Every structure is written in C-alpha cells, then in structure tokens.
C-alpha cells in the first residue's frame, strides 16, 4: 500500500515539468496510429467470442498483442473481458474503431454487476475499437486486486452507453492504486442519457490515481435520465478526479451537452480530494441542464488556464447557481484561474479561499465564437471570431505553451482555449521554409504562398476540426517563390475553422484558417 501524502510539493513541481513536456509530444488531432505490436501476436475473429479473448489473455506468458478482426464481439450475460495478465494490448486489426464492436447486454440489464473490459493488471493498452451497451462500466480499472495497475493506455476508443461510469479507475478494496495512465483520442457518449430512473454516472471517474493524462477526447451527453432533473439529480462530471488523486493533466478535450464538465475533487471526500493538476485548453459547451463547466472541490494547487466554457440557459431544473467555474471547500487553497472565457460567473463558496484570478472573461456571449450553437450531428465550434475581445487580451503562463489545436502562439496571447492568430514558419536548420496564407479569414478565395530553396516534393492538405482531409496538391516543385490558389466554394465548405497543412520533405506545418 502506498503512503499518499509524502513529498506532495516535490511531486507537484515534477508534474509541472512533465506536463509542459507532454504538451509538445501529445497526439494532437490524433492522426497517428499506435506502433504495431511486437512480442507475441494473437489474431482473433468474432467467432472466437469473448471467451476466446479471455483464453488468449489467461494463456499469455509475456507481452502480448491481441488483434481483433472486424466484426461484433457479443458479451454473454454474466461475463466480461478480464485482463488478468500484465503487458496485454487489445486492439482492432484494421485500426478502425468503428469496425470492431464489443457489444453488451444493455445498460443496467443485469443490475449493474458486469462490465465490458475489466483491467486487473498493469501496462495494458485498449485501442481502436468500440464498446457499447454495457450493464455497468464499459472499462473498469483496478477492482479488488492486489496489484498496482499502472501505465494503462486507452487510445482511440468509442464508448457508447454504460449503466454507470464509462471509464472507472478505482482504488481497489486492498488499497492499491492505478497511476500514470493515459486516456486519449477517444469518444465517450450516451445515445441520449442514462435509462429512466438513473443518474449515477461520469465519463471518466478517476479515484486515487497519480499522474494521469486525459487529453484530446470528446465527451458527449454525459447525462442523467430526464426524469431525474425534476428530482434535483444530475449526472456527475464528464471528467472527475478525486479520492486523493494527484497531478492529473486534463487538456484539449471537447465536452458537449453534459451535466457537468471537469472536476478536481468531490465535496463528499475528506480533503484533500485532489492535489495539484492542470485543466487547460478545453472546449466545454453545455445545454440547459448543465450545472457547472469546471470545478475544484476540497483540492489545493489546481491550475485552470485557457479554457472556453459556453453553457447558455443552463440549470433549467435545479436550484443550484449557474456557474462556469466553481471553487468549494477550505482545502482548495492556492488555486489559479487564468485566461478562461466563460458565459457564467466564477463561484467561490463552501469556505474556499479566494483563488488567484488573472485575465478571465466572464459573462461572455455567443458572439465570440464561430458556431457555438450547433447541435448533433454537427459539432459546435468554439474557436474565436476575429471580432472577439478575447484576442490579444491574455497573459502568459509557463504551463500553457500551446492551444487547443496544438499550435504555439508567438504573438500576444488570447483568452480561452483557442489562439486566433498563429504566425506561419517552418524552420529546418538546413532548409528554412516560409509560408503565408491570405486572406484569413476568407469568404472564398485563399492564397498559400511559400518559398523553396531547392527542388522538393510539396504536399498541401485541407483538414476540418475532426481531422478529415482533402489533398489539394502533391507534386515535386522547383526552387523559388510559389503560390497556390483555391476557392473554398469549390469544395462546398460550411463556415467554420479549417487547417492547411504544408508538408515538405519530412517537415510539416499546420495553420488555422477561418471560412466566413
């Protein structure tokens, strides 16, 4: 068993250093596949079933990658996938998460006793697949085990409809913890909400873990059943880190139409509920039932920096106050709230000390954003309009060196998760390249200029916010000044944010553009 309160100050300083480094290494836009499996490889098809997966795991004698062929793997009543050995990877063979489906018996169909995948040993990877219709937790980590289950990676997983928390990381009954995990590039959602009569859920529920990273995910409709709102009940946060968790990094997530956004700590805990940690560069768009965007409860040393929160008309069925950010509990000392843009206020309550507040914009409206009101199946777009007063109004913080799009600002900083103006430079010591895109924003015509000092292959791509791309140019060009012109109307593009990616001989640069 670990002692959870040793050297917290040292852990916090080390975490800040790691967090800044991780930002530059993250898989922004999640376009890079995980490396191919090595060591023992097991290939399974849907005919192998869940029992075949469990047999492959229990028979593993060392690091093992289990590749699942496309198809549906149905979980029989009374069972689940149990990762009972360390160093196990379960992933789709095709790499397409929509083509491998682990399908359960339905939410709360067996009184909430059975999961999709239970991870009971460390160094486990779950990647490139879908888990849906699960009785209780689609993924559960560390339950009633005698092992510390560290270094879990959940990558590019689509989770739809679980009877309780969609990903739950427990403190086990034997006092063991799960540390240094990563949840990234995944979509966690309910089709509509929990079933009638139920409200107890979260997107990610992290208990007692140290150094977890939750990044580049989408959380959608993490909601209680409709009948619960009139009773004063709502779902928990889309991301909840508590029960003495420490130094969690939560960045570049998109949270849509959920009852609560991101919380460090829980009021029901004995403090400190969470220590340290950073919440940065997240887009949070609520609906009329949303209670709060970001919260810190009984948790010291939290940094909330450069987030965008927009929840118009929220809390229709509850008496609790409307807040974009709330700080509660006397243990929530030394918190910093900086460069956040929100449409509701910051609420400091429950005997909490006043946090340091620097260059935030509260009570902002929809006029700051490109398309904040989009509803499913469209994604809202909380990137800044050129007219926003958040542009160039921010202040620097050492723990925030990139924005929501993984771009590094080089001019005056903006408030919120998005940096509107990014300069265009690709700099390779042996082959400097410059690029300029204009006009930007544009209603139609777009010019991309760049220079080459030698003959090279040039690839120009246009990407949307989901990473879908169109190749505009792919050819070898001679040295000199170059100009590429296009009309966005020819591509039938809607208004919004897009990205131009220029790749030349292994170097690439992405610049954001805005189509009006």
Protein backbone atom coordinates (compact mmCIF):
# COMPACT_ATOMS: atom_id res chain seq x y z
CA UNK A 1 0.00 0.00 0.00
CA UNK A 2 1.21 3.48 -0.79
CA UNK A 3 1.52 6.43 1.53
CA UNK A 4 -0.42 9.13 -0.36
CA UNK A 5 0.81 12.28 1.32
CA UNK A 6 4.60 12.00 1.06
CA UNK A 7 6.51 14.79 -0.62
CA UNK A 8 3.48 16.43 -2.30
CA UNK A 9 5.42 19.59 -3.05
CA UNK A 10 8.14 17.63 -4.87
CA UNK A 11 5.54 15.65 -6.83
CA UNK A 12 3.80 18.86 -7.83
CA UNK A 13 6.97 20.51 -9.13
CA UNK A 14 7.96 17.38 -11.06
CA UNK A 15 4.44 17.17 -12.50
CA UNK A 16 4.59 20.73 -13.81
CA UNK A 17 7.81 19.93 -15.65
CA UNK A 18 6.34 16.73 -17.13
CA UNK A 19 3.09 18.44 -18.10
CA UNK A 20 4.86 21.12 -20.12
CA UNK A 21 6.94 18.46 -21.91
CA UNK A 22 3.91 16.22 -22.58
CA UNK A 23 2.14 19.04 -24.37
CA UNK A 24 4.69 19.06 -27.16
CA UNK A 25 4.57 15.27 -27.50
CA UNK A 26 0.79 14.78 -27.49
CA UNK A 27 -1.06 13.35 -30.48
CA UNK A 28 -2.94 16.50 -31.37
CA UNK A 29 -5.84 15.72 -33.74
CA UNK A 30 -4.97 12.06 -33.11
CA UNK A 31 -3.91 11.24 -36.65
CA UNK A 32 -1.03 8.94 -35.74
CA UNK A 33 -1.69 5.23 -35.19
CA UNK A 34 -0.06 3.39 -32.33
CA UNK A 35 3.05 1.36 -33.22
CA UNK A 36 2.45 -2.19 -34.40
CA UNK A 37 2.50 -4.88 -31.75
CA UNK A 38 5.69 -6.79 -31.05
CA UNK A 39 6.50 -9.90 -29.00
CA UNK A 40 3.57 -12.38 -29.03
CA UNK A 41 0.78 -11.66 -31.56
CA UNK A 42 -2.66 -13.30 -31.35
CA UNK A 43 -5.22 -12.77 -34.11
CA UNK A 44 -8.88 -13.38 -33.28
CA UNK A 45 -12.16 -13.14 -35.21
CA UNK A 46 -15.72 -12.59 -33.96
CA UNK A 47 -16.25 -16.36 -34.00
CA UNK A 48 -13.68 -16.60 -31.19
CA UNK A 49 -16.05 -14.63 -28.99
CA UNK A 50 -15.35 -13.12 -25.60
CA UNK A 51 -14.20 -16.50 -24.32
CA UNK A 52 -11.51 -16.58 -26.99
CA UNK A 53 -10.22 -13.18 -25.91
CA UNK A 54 -10.13 -14.27 -22.26
CA UNK A 55 -8.34 -17.51 -23.19
CA UNK A 56 -5.67 -15.56 -25.08
CA UNK A 57 -5.16 -13.29 -22.08
CA UNK A 58 -5.01 -16.02 -19.45
CA UNK A 59 -2.58 -18.00 -21.60
CA UNK A 60 -0.17 -15.13 -22.14
CA UNK A 61 3.33 -15.69 -20.77
CA UNK A 62 4.71 -12.25 -21.60
CA UNK A 63 3.84 -9.09 -23.54
CA UNK A 64 1.00 -9.98 -25.91
CA UNK A 65 -0.95 -8.05 -28.54
CA UNK A 66 -4.41 -9.38 -29.33
CA UNK A 67 -5.64 -8.16 -32.71
CA UNK A 68 -9.39 -8.31 -33.25
CA UNK A 69 -10.69 -8.69 -36.82
CA UNK A 70 -13.59 -6.51 -37.90
CA UNK A 71 -16.99 -7.54 -36.56
CA UNK A 72 -19.11 -7.66 -33.41
CA UNK A 73 -17.93 -9.48 -30.28
CA UNK A 74 -21.01 -10.10 -28.13
CA UNK A 75 -20.63 -10.26 -24.36
CA UNK A 76 -22.80 -13.08 -22.95
CA UNK A 77 -24.82 -12.41 -19.81
CA UNK A 78 -22.79 -12.88 -16.66
CA UNK A 79 -19.31 -12.32 -18.10
CA UNK A 80 -16.87 -9.70 -19.43
CA UNK A 81 -13.34 -9.39 -20.79
CA UNK A 82 -10.87 -9.77 -17.91
CA UNK A 83 -7.29 -8.55 -18.38
CA UNK A 84 -5.73 -10.83 -15.79
CA UNK A 85 -2.13 -10.65 -17.03
CA UNK A 86 0.26 -7.67 -17.34
CA UNK A 87 1.51 -6.28 -20.66
CA UNK A 88 -1.67 -7.05 -22.64
CA UNK A 89 -2.80 -4.99 -25.66
CA UNK A 90 -6.26 -5.41 -27.16
CA UNK A 91 -6.85 -3.52 -30.40
CA UNK A 92 -8.53 -3.78 -33.79
CA UNK A 93 -6.53 -5.26 -36.64
CA UNK A 94 -7.84 -2.66 -39.09
CA UNK A 95 -7.19 0.31 -36.81
CA UNK A 96 -10.77 1.48 -37.48
CA UNK A 97 -12.54 1.77 -34.14
CA UNK A 98 -15.98 1.69 -35.78
CA UNK A 99 -15.38 -1.76 -37.28
CA UNK A 100 -14.68 -3.72 -34.08
CA UNK A 101 -17.60 -3.62 -31.65
CA UNK A 102 -17.71 -5.15 -28.19
CA UNK A 103 -21.45 -5.28 -27.54
CA UNK A 104 -23.04 -5.90 -24.14
CA UNK A 105 -26.48 -6.81 -22.83
CA UNK A 106 -27.66 -3.21 -22.30
CA UNK A 107 -27.40 -0.54 -19.61
CA UNK A 108 -28.41 -1.83 -16.15
CA UNK A 109 -29.65 -5.05 -17.75
CA UNK A 110 -28.03 -7.20 -15.04
CA UNK A 111 -28.37 -4.90 -12.02
CA UNK A 112 -25.11 -3.12 -12.79
CA UNK A 113 -22.80 -6.02 -11.98
CA UNK A 114 -20.96 -6.65 -15.25
CA UNK A 115 -18.51 -4.64 -17.31
CA UNK A 116 -17.15 -4.53 -20.85
CA UNK A 117 -13.42 -4.79 -20.09
CA UNK A 118 -12.02 -5.11 -16.58
CA UNK A 119 -8.31 -4.29 -16.37
CA UNK A 120 -6.75 -6.09 -13.42
CA UNK A 121 -3.04 -5.80 -14.33
CA UNK A 122 -0.74 -3.02 -15.45
CA UNK A 123 0.85 -1.98 -18.76
CA UNK A 124 -2.44 -2.62 -20.55
CA UNK A 125 -3.47 -0.94 -23.81
CA UNK A 126 -7.02 -0.82 -25.21
CA UNK A 127 -7.13 0.81 -28.66
CA UNK A 128 -9.03 1.31 -31.90
CA UNK A 129 -12.38 -0.29 -31.02
CA UNK A 130 -15.94 0.41 -29.86
CA UNK A 131 -17.55 -0.72 -26.58
CA UNK A 132 -21.31 -0.27 -26.26
CA UNK A 133 -24.48 -1.25 -24.41
CA UNK A 134 -22.73 -2.30 -21.20
CA UNK A 135 -24.53 -3.25 -17.99
CA UNK A 136 -22.18 -1.28 -15.71
CA UNK A 137 -18.74 0.10 -16.69
CA UNK A 138 -17.56 -0.27 -20.31
CA UNK A 139 -13.98 -0.09 -18.96
CA UNK A 140 -13.09 -0.63 -15.32
CA UNK A 141 -9.54 -0.44 -13.98
CA UNK A 142 -8.26 -1.88 -10.70
CA UNK A 143 -11.10 -3.54 -8.80
CA UNK A 144 -10.42 -5.85 -5.84
CA UNK A 145 -6.88 -6.63 -6.91
CA UNK A 146 -3.62 -6.99 -5.01
CA UNK A 147 -1.64 -5.19 -7.73
CA UNK A 148 -0.93 -1.55 -8.52
CA UNK A 149 -2.31 -1.28 -12.05
CA UNK A 150 -0.11 1.40 -13.59
CA UNK A 151 0.58 2.61 -17.13
CA UNK A 152 -2.82 1.91 -18.67
CA UNK A 153 -3.36 3.40 -22.15
CA UNK A 154 -6.86 3.88 -23.61
CA UNK A 155 -6.46 5.19 -27.15
CA UNK A 156 -8.98 5.85 -29.93
CA UNK A 157 -11.83 4.02 -28.21
CA UNK A 158 -15.50 4.82 -28.80
CA UNK A 159 -17.66 4.12 -25.74
CA UNK A 160 -21.44 4.31 -26.09
CA UNK A 161 -23.94 3.74 -23.25
CA UNK A 162 -22.80 2.27 -19.95
CA UNK A 163 -25.01 1.73 -16.91
CA UNK A 164 -22.57 3.65 -14.68
CA UNK A 165 -19.26 5.47 -15.25
CA UNK A 166 -17.99 4.89 -18.78
CA UNK A 167 -14.36 4.57 -17.64
CA UNK A 168 -13.86 3.94 -13.94
CA UNK A 169 -10.42 3.79 -12.29
CA UNK A 170 -10.83 2.50 -8.74
CA UNK A 171 -8.91 2.43 -5.54
CA UNK A 172 -9.12 -1.33 -5.05
CA UNK A 173 -10.54 -3.00 -1.99
CA UNK A 174 -6.99 -3.93 -0.98
CA UNK A 175 -5.78 -0.31 -1.10
CA UNK A 176 -3.96 -0.50 -4.42
CA UNK A 177 -3.87 2.40 -6.89
CA UNK A 178 -3.63 2.96 -10.63
CA UNK A 179 -1.10 5.61 -11.63
CA UNK A 180 0.34 7.22 -14.79
CA UNK A 181 -2.38 6.17 -17.20
CA UNK A 182 -3.41 7.95 -20.41
CA UNK A 183 -6.88 8.33 -21.94
CA UNK A 184 -6.64 9.96 -25.35
CA UNK A 185 -8.24 10.38 -28.76
CA UNK A 186 -11.47 8.72 -27.65
CA UNK A 187 -15.21 9.45 -27.87
CA UNK A 188 -17.29 8.78 -24.75
CA UNK A 189 -21.02 9.34 -25.04
CA UNK A 190 -24.59 8.37 -24.31
CA UNK A 191 -27.01 7.99 -27.19
CA UNK A 192 -29.39 10.21 -25.19
CA UNK A 193 -28.78 9.70 -21.46
CA UNK A 194 -28.90 7.06 -18.74
CA UNK A 195 -32.09 4.97 -18.66
CA UNK A 196 -35.17 6.27 -16.85
CA UNK A 197 -34.65 6.26 -13.10
CA UNK A 198 -30.85 6.55 -13.20
CA UNK A 199 -28.47 9.47 -12.68
CA UNK A 200 -25.23 7.96 -11.29
CA UNK A 201 -22.55 8.20 -13.97
CA UNK A 202 -19.47 10.05 -15.21
CA UNK A 203 -17.42 9.94 -18.38
CA UNK A 204 -14.11 9.26 -16.62
CA UNK A 205 -14.10 8.57 -12.87
CA UNK A 206 -10.53 8.59 -11.52
CA UNK A 207 -10.03 7.58 -7.89
CA UNK A 208 -6.71 7.78 -6.10
CA UNK A 209 -4.51 7.88 -9.21
CA UNK A 210 -1.33 9.89 -9.65
CA UNK A 211 -0.11 11.47 -12.88
CA UNK A 212 -2.95 10.50 -15.22
CA UNK A 213 -3.30 12.35 -18.55
CA UNK A 214 -6.75 12.82 -20.14
CA UNK A 215 -6.38 14.57 -23.49
CA UNK A 216 -7.80 15.04 -26.98
CA UNK A 217 -11.10 13.30 -26.20
CA UNK A 218 -14.74 14.14 -26.91
CA UNK A 219 -17.37 13.65 -24.19
CA UNK A 220 -20.98 13.94 -25.32
CA UNK A 221 -24.28 13.76 -23.42
CA UNK A 222 -22.92 12.52 -20.08
CA UNK A 223 -26.38 12.98 -18.63
CA UNK A 224 -28.89 11.73 -16.09
CA UNK A 225 -32.22 10.40 -17.26
CA UNK A 226 -34.73 13.17 -17.97
CA UNK A 227 -36.97 12.20 -15.03
CA UNK A 228 -34.09 12.82 -12.61
CA UNK A 229 -33.75 16.55 -13.25
CA UNK A 230 -37.09 17.38 -11.62
CA UNK A 231 -35.89 15.43 -8.55
CA UNK A 232 -32.76 17.58 -8.30
CA UNK A 233 -30.43 14.83 -9.55
CA UNK A 234 -27.88 15.16 -12.33
CA UNK A 235 -25.00 13.08 -13.63
CA UNK A 236 -21.54 13.68 -12.27
CA UNK A 237 -18.75 15.42 -14.19
CA UNK A 238 -17.63 14.19 -17.59
CA UNK A 239 -14.16 14.03 -16.01
CA UNK A 240 -13.94 13.55 -12.22
CA UNK A 241 -10.61 13.10 -10.40
CA UNK A 242 -10.91 12.58 -6.63
CA UNK A 243 -10.27 10.30 -3.63
CA UNK A 244 -6.74 11.61 -3.13
CA UNK A 245 -5.79 11.66 -6.80
CA UNK A 246 -2.81 13.86 -7.64
CA UNK A 247 -1.32 15.81 -10.53
CA UNK A 248 -3.84 14.97 -13.27
CA UNK A 249 -3.40 16.73 -16.62
CA UNK A 250 -6.70 17.36 -18.45
CA UNK A 251 -6.20 19.11 -21.78
CA UNK A 252 -7.66 19.66 -25.24
CA UNK A 253 -10.88 17.81 -24.54
CA UNK A 254 -14.26 18.75 -26.00
CA UNK A 255 -17.22 18.33 -23.65
CA UNK A 256 -20.69 18.69 -25.17
CA UNK A 257 -24.19 18.86 -23.68
CA UNK A 258 -23.23 17.16 -20.41
CA UNK A 259 -24.48 17.81 -16.88
CA UNK A 260 -21.03 18.81 -15.60
CA UNK A 261 -17.64 19.32 -17.21
CA UNK A 262 -14.30 18.75 -15.45
CA UNK A 263 -13.87 18.48 -11.67
CA UNK A 264 -10.85 18.05 -9.43
CA UNK A 265 -12.18 16.78 -6.13
CA UNK A 266 -15.54 15.84 -4.66
CA UNK A 267 -17.41 17.53 -1.82
CA UNK A 268 -18.13 14.15 -0.20
CA UNK A 269 -14.41 13.37 0.21
CA UNK A 270 -12.20 14.05 3.18
CA UNK A 271 -9.78 16.63 1.83
CA UNK A 272 -7.54 16.97 0.07
CA UNK A 273 -9.67 15.21 -2.53
CA UNK A 274 -7.22 16.00 -5.37
CA UNK A 275 -3.84 17.72 -5.21
CA UNK A 276 -2.17 19.78 -7.93
CA UNK A 277 -3.04 19.18 -11.57
CA UNK A 278 -3.77 21.28 -14.64
CA UNK A 279 -7.00 21.85 -16.58
CA UNK A 280 -6.10 23.65 -19.81
CA UNK A 281 -7.18 24.23 -23.40
CA UNK A 282 -10.57 22.51 -23.12
CA UNK A 283 -13.75 23.39 -25.05
CA UNK A 284 -16.91 22.94 -22.93
CA UNK A 285 -20.34 23.61 -24.46
CA UNK A 286 -23.27 22.88 -22.18
CA UNK A 287 -27.03 22.74 -22.61
CA UNK A 288 -30.00 23.86 -20.50
CA UNK A 289 -29.32 21.12 -17.91
CA UNK A 290 -25.60 21.85 -17.38
CA UNK A 291 -24.75 22.73 -13.78
CA UNK A 292 -21.08 23.76 -14.00
CA UNK A 293 -18.24 23.73 -16.52
CA UNK A 294 -15.14 23.33 -14.33
CA UNK A 295 -14.95 22.71 -10.60
CA UNK A 296 -12.41 22.35 -7.81
CA UNK A 297 -13.68 20.86 -4.55
CA UNK A 298 -11.53 20.37 -1.47
CA UNK A 299 -8.46 20.27 -3.72
CA UNK A 300 -5.38 22.50 -3.41
CA UNK A 301 -2.97 23.84 -6.04
CA UNK A 302 -5.20 23.41 -9.10
CA UNK A 303 -4.34 25.39 -12.24
CA UNK A 304 -7.27 26.27 -14.55
CA UNK A 305 -5.81 28.01 -17.57
CA UNK A 306 -7.09 28.92 -21.06
CA UNK A 307 -10.40 27.06 -21.17
CA UNK A 308 -13.51 28.02 -23.15
CA UNK A 309 -16.88 27.42 -21.43
CA UNK A 310 -20.23 28.23 -23.02
CA UNK A 311 -23.48 26.95 -21.45
CA UNK A 312 -26.40 29.17 -22.43
CA UNK A 313 -29.55 28.94 -20.29
CA UNK A 314 -28.21 26.16 -18.09
CA UNK A 315 -29.67 24.52 -14.98
CA UNK A 316 -33.31 24.65 -16.00
CA UNK A 317 -34.47 22.13 -13.39
CA UNK A 318 -32.15 22.76 -10.45
CA UNK A 319 -31.93 25.43 -7.78
CA UNK A 320 -28.12 25.44 -7.74
CA UNK A 321 -26.46 28.58 -9.03
CA UNK A 322 -25.29 28.89 -12.62
CA UNK A 323 -21.51 28.77 -12.70
CA UNK A 324 -18.89 28.28 -15.35
CA UNK A 325 -16.18 27.66 -12.74
CA UNK A 326 -16.73 26.86 -9.06
CA UNK A 327 -14.25 26.55 -6.20
CA UNK A 328 -15.51 24.92 -3.00
CA UNK A 329 -14.05 23.80 0.33
CA UNK A 330 -11.45 25.25 2.64
CA UNK A 331 -8.86 22.78 1.32
CA UNK A 332 -8.99 24.41 -2.15
CA UNK A 333 -6.13 26.79 -1.49
CA UNK A 334 -3.51 28.19 -3.87
CA UNK A 335 -5.68 27.67 -6.97
CA UNK A 336 -5.11 29.76 -10.11
CA UNK A 337 -7.80 30.70 -12.67
CA UNK A 338 -6.22 32.41 -15.66
CA UNK A 339 -7.15 33.23 -19.28
CA UNK A 340 -10.54 31.48 -19.24
CA UNK A 341 -13.51 32.75 -21.25
CA UNK A 342 -16.98 31.81 -19.99
CA UNK A 343 -20.59 32.94 -20.16
CA UNK A 344 -21.38 32.47 -16.46
CA UNK A 345 -19.53 33.57 -13.38
CA UNK A 346 -16.83 32.14 -11.10
CA UNK A 347 -18.38 30.96 -7.84
CA UNK A 348 -16.15 30.66 -4.76
CA UNK A 349 -18.12 29.02 -1.97
CA UNK A 350 -18.04 26.49 0.87
CA UNK A 351 -15.34 28.36 2.84
CA UNK A 352 -12.92 28.12 -0.07
CA UNK A 353 -10.04 30.63 -0.10
CA UNK A 354 -10.19 33.13 -2.94
CA UNK A 355 -8.18 31.78 -5.92
CA UNK A 356 -5.79 33.94 -7.92
CA UNK A 357 -7.81 35.22 -10.89
CA UNK A 358 -5.93 36.69 -13.86
CA UNK A 359 -7.31 37.99 -17.20
CA UNK A 360 -10.52 35.95 -17.35
CA UNK A 361 -13.63 36.98 -19.30
CA UNK A 362 -16.92 36.12 -17.58
CA UNK A 363 -20.49 36.54 -18.85
CA UNK A 364 -19.33 36.38 -22.47
CA UNK A 365 -21.85 35.72 -25.22
CA UNK A 366 -22.12 33.63 -28.36
CA UNK A 367 -20.69 36.45 -30.47
CA UNK A 368 -17.14 35.40 -29.52
CA UNK A 369 -17.37 32.05 -31.30
CA UNK A 370 -17.73 30.71 -34.82
CA UNK A 371 -20.66 28.36 -34.24
CA UNK A 372 -21.40 27.73 -30.56
CA UNK A 373 -25.00 26.64 -31.03
CA UNK A 374 -24.56 23.68 -33.39
CA UNK A 375 -26.47 20.56 -32.35
CA UNK A 376 -25.86 16.88 -33.05
CA UNK A 377 -24.84 15.50 -35.52
CA UNK A 378 -22.90 18.75 -36.06
CA UNK A 379 -20.13 19.77 -33.69
CA UNK A 380 -20.24 23.26 -32.16
CA UNK A 381 -17.21 25.37 -32.96
CA UNK A 382 -15.82 27.43 -30.07
CA UNK A 383 -12.86 28.85 -31.99
CA UNK A 384 -12.71 32.63 -31.74
CA UNK A 385 -14.09 35.02 -34.31
CA UNK A 386 -11.81 37.80 -35.47
CA UNK A 387 -14.07 40.28 -33.67
CA UNK A 388 -13.69 38.66 -30.23
CA UNK A 389 -12.34 40.86 -27.45
CA UNK A 390 -10.51 37.77 -26.11
CA UNK A 391 -7.90 38.14 -28.86
CA UNK A 392 -4.58 39.52 -27.55
CA UNK A 393 -6.15 40.04 -24.11
CA UNK A 394 -4.47 37.18 -22.24
CA UNK A 395 -1.36 36.87 -20.11
CA UNK A 396 1.39 34.27 -20.30
CA UNK A 397 1.60 31.24 -18.03
CA UNK A 398 4.58 28.87 -18.10
CA UNK A 399 2.31 25.80 -18.04
CA UNK A 400 0.44 26.77 -21.20
CA UNK A 401 2.59 26.95 -24.32
CA UNK A 402 0.16 25.60 -26.94
CA UNK A 403 -3.55 26.00 -27.66
CA UNK A 404 -6.45 23.61 -28.27
CA UNK A 405 -5.13 22.92 -31.79
CA UNK A 406 -1.55 22.24 -30.58
CA UNK A 407 -0.36 25.46 -32.17
CA UNK A 408 2.27 27.56 -30.43
CA UNK A 409 1.35 31.24 -30.11
CA UNK A 410 4.14 33.63 -30.98
CA UNK A 411 2.27 36.93 -30.64
CA UNK A 412 0.13 38.41 -27.87
CA UNK A 413 -1.86 35.69 -26.12
CA UNK A 414 -5.62 35.23 -26.38
CA UNK A 415 -8.09 34.30 -23.64
CA UNK A 416 -9.65 30.86 -23.91
CA UNK A 417 -8.53 27.56 -25.41
CA UNK A 418 -8.11 28.94 -28.94
CA UNK A 419 -5.34 31.19 -30.21
CA UNK A 420 -6.76 33.13 -33.13
CA UNK A 421 -3.52 34.37 -34.69
CA UNK A 422 -0.71 31.93 -35.34
CA UNK A 423 2.28 33.02 -37.42
CA UNK A 424 3.46 30.72 -40.21
CA UNK A 425 7.02 29.48 -40.09
CA UNK A 426 8.58 26.13 -40.81
CA UNK A 427 12.21 26.21 -39.81
CA UNK A 428 14.58 23.40 -40.57
CA UNK A 429 18.19 24.43 -39.99
CA UNK A 430 19.32 23.08 -43.35
CA UNK A 431 16.25 24.15 -45.31
CA UNK A 432 14.33 27.18 -43.99
CA UNK A 433 10.80 27.49 -45.42
CA UNK A 434 8.34 30.33 -45.04
CA UNK A 435 4.58 30.19 -45.64
CA UNK A 436 1.86 32.81 -45.73
CA UNK A 437 -1.89 32.30 -46.10
CA UNK A 438 -4.18 35.16 -47.07
CA UNK A 439 -6.79 36.49 -46.79
CA UNK A 440 -7.56 34.91 -43.44
CA UNK A 441 -10.43 34.91 -42.51
CA UNK A 442 -11.85 34.48 -46.01
CA UNK A 443 -15.27 34.01 -47.55
CA UNK A 444 -13.94 32.09 -50.56
CA UNK A 445 -10.56 32.76 -52.19
CA UNK A 446 -7.47 31.50 -50.39
CA UNK A 447 -3.83 32.05 -51.37
CA UNK A 448 -0.99 29.95 -49.96
CA UNK A 449 2.48 31.29 -50.64
CA UNK A 450 5.76 29.62 -49.72
CA UNK A 451 9.35 29.50 -50.92
CA UNK A 452 11.70 26.62 -51.66
CA UNK A 453 15.47 26.87 -51.85
CA UNK A 454 15.76 23.59 -53.75
CA UNK A 455 13.57 21.16 -55.70
CA UNK A 456 11.33 19.28 -53.30
CA UNK A 457 8.05 17.37 -53.09
CA UNK A 458 5.23 19.57 -51.76
CA UNK A 459 2.05 18.25 -50.14
CA UNK A 460 -0.77 20.68 -49.26
CA UNK A 461 -3.83 19.38 -47.41
CA UNK A 462 -7.01 20.96 -46.03
CA UNK A 463 -8.36 19.46 -42.78
CA UNK A 464 -11.53 20.05 -40.77
CA UNK A 465 -11.75 20.02 -36.97
CA UNK A 466 -12.37 16.25 -36.99
CA UNK A 467 -9.12 15.57 -38.85
CA UNK A 468 -10.83 14.67 -42.16
CA UNK A 469 -8.69 15.89 -45.03
CA UNK A 470 -8.65 16.78 -48.71
CA UNK A 471 -5.37 16.72 -50.64
CA UNK A 472 -5.02 19.98 -52.56
CA UNK A 473 -1.54 19.49 -54.04
CA UNK A 474 1.00 16.68 -54.14
CA UNK A 475 3.85 17.23 -56.60
CA UNK A 476 7.54 17.95 -56.95
CA UNK A 477 8.31 21.64 -57.43
CA UNK A 478 11.43 23.60 -58.34
CA UNK A 479 13.16 26.10 -56.06
CA UNK A 480 11.75 29.60 -55.86
CA UNK A 481 8.70 31.55 -54.74
CA UNK A 482 5.49 29.52 -55.04
CA UNK A 483 1.80 30.39 -54.83
CA UNK A 484 -1.17 28.01 -54.61
CA UNK A 485 -4.66 29.44 -55.10
CA UNK A 486 -8.04 27.88 -54.46
CA UNK A 487 -11.70 28.80 -53.99
CA UNK A 488 -13.23 27.22 -50.90
CA UNK A 489 -16.64 27.39 -52.58
CA UNK A 490 -15.43 24.71 -54.99
CA UNK A 491 -15.16 22.35 -52.00
CA UNK A 492 -18.71 23.14 -50.72
CA UNK A 493 -17.37 24.00 -47.27
CA UNK A 494 -19.53 25.36 -44.48
CA UNK A 495 -18.40 28.35 -42.45
CA UNK A 496 -16.01 27.41 -39.67
CA UNK A 497 -12.42 26.60 -38.77
CA UNK A 498 -10.18 24.54 -41.04
CA UNK A 499 -6.46 23.81 -41.17
CA UNK A 500 -3.99 24.00 -44.03
CA UNK A 501 -1.12 21.54 -43.67
CA UNK A 502 2.02 22.10 -45.76
CA UNK A 503 4.45 19.17 -45.80
CA UNK A 504 7.85 19.45 -47.48
CA UNK A 505 10.48 16.72 -47.28
CA UNK A 506 9.52 15.48 -43.83
CA UNK A 507 8.78 18.91 -42.36
CA UNK A 508 5.19 19.99 -41.87
CA UNK A 509 3.28 22.95 -40.56
CA UNK A 510 -0.41 23.42 -39.83
CA UNK A 511 -2.05 26.84 -39.91
CA UNK A 512 -5.60 27.55 -38.88
CA UNK A 513 -7.89 29.34 -41.33
CA UNK A 514 -11.41 30.66 -40.87
CA UNK A 515 -14.05 30.44 -43.60
CA UNK A 516 -16.69 33.09 -43.05
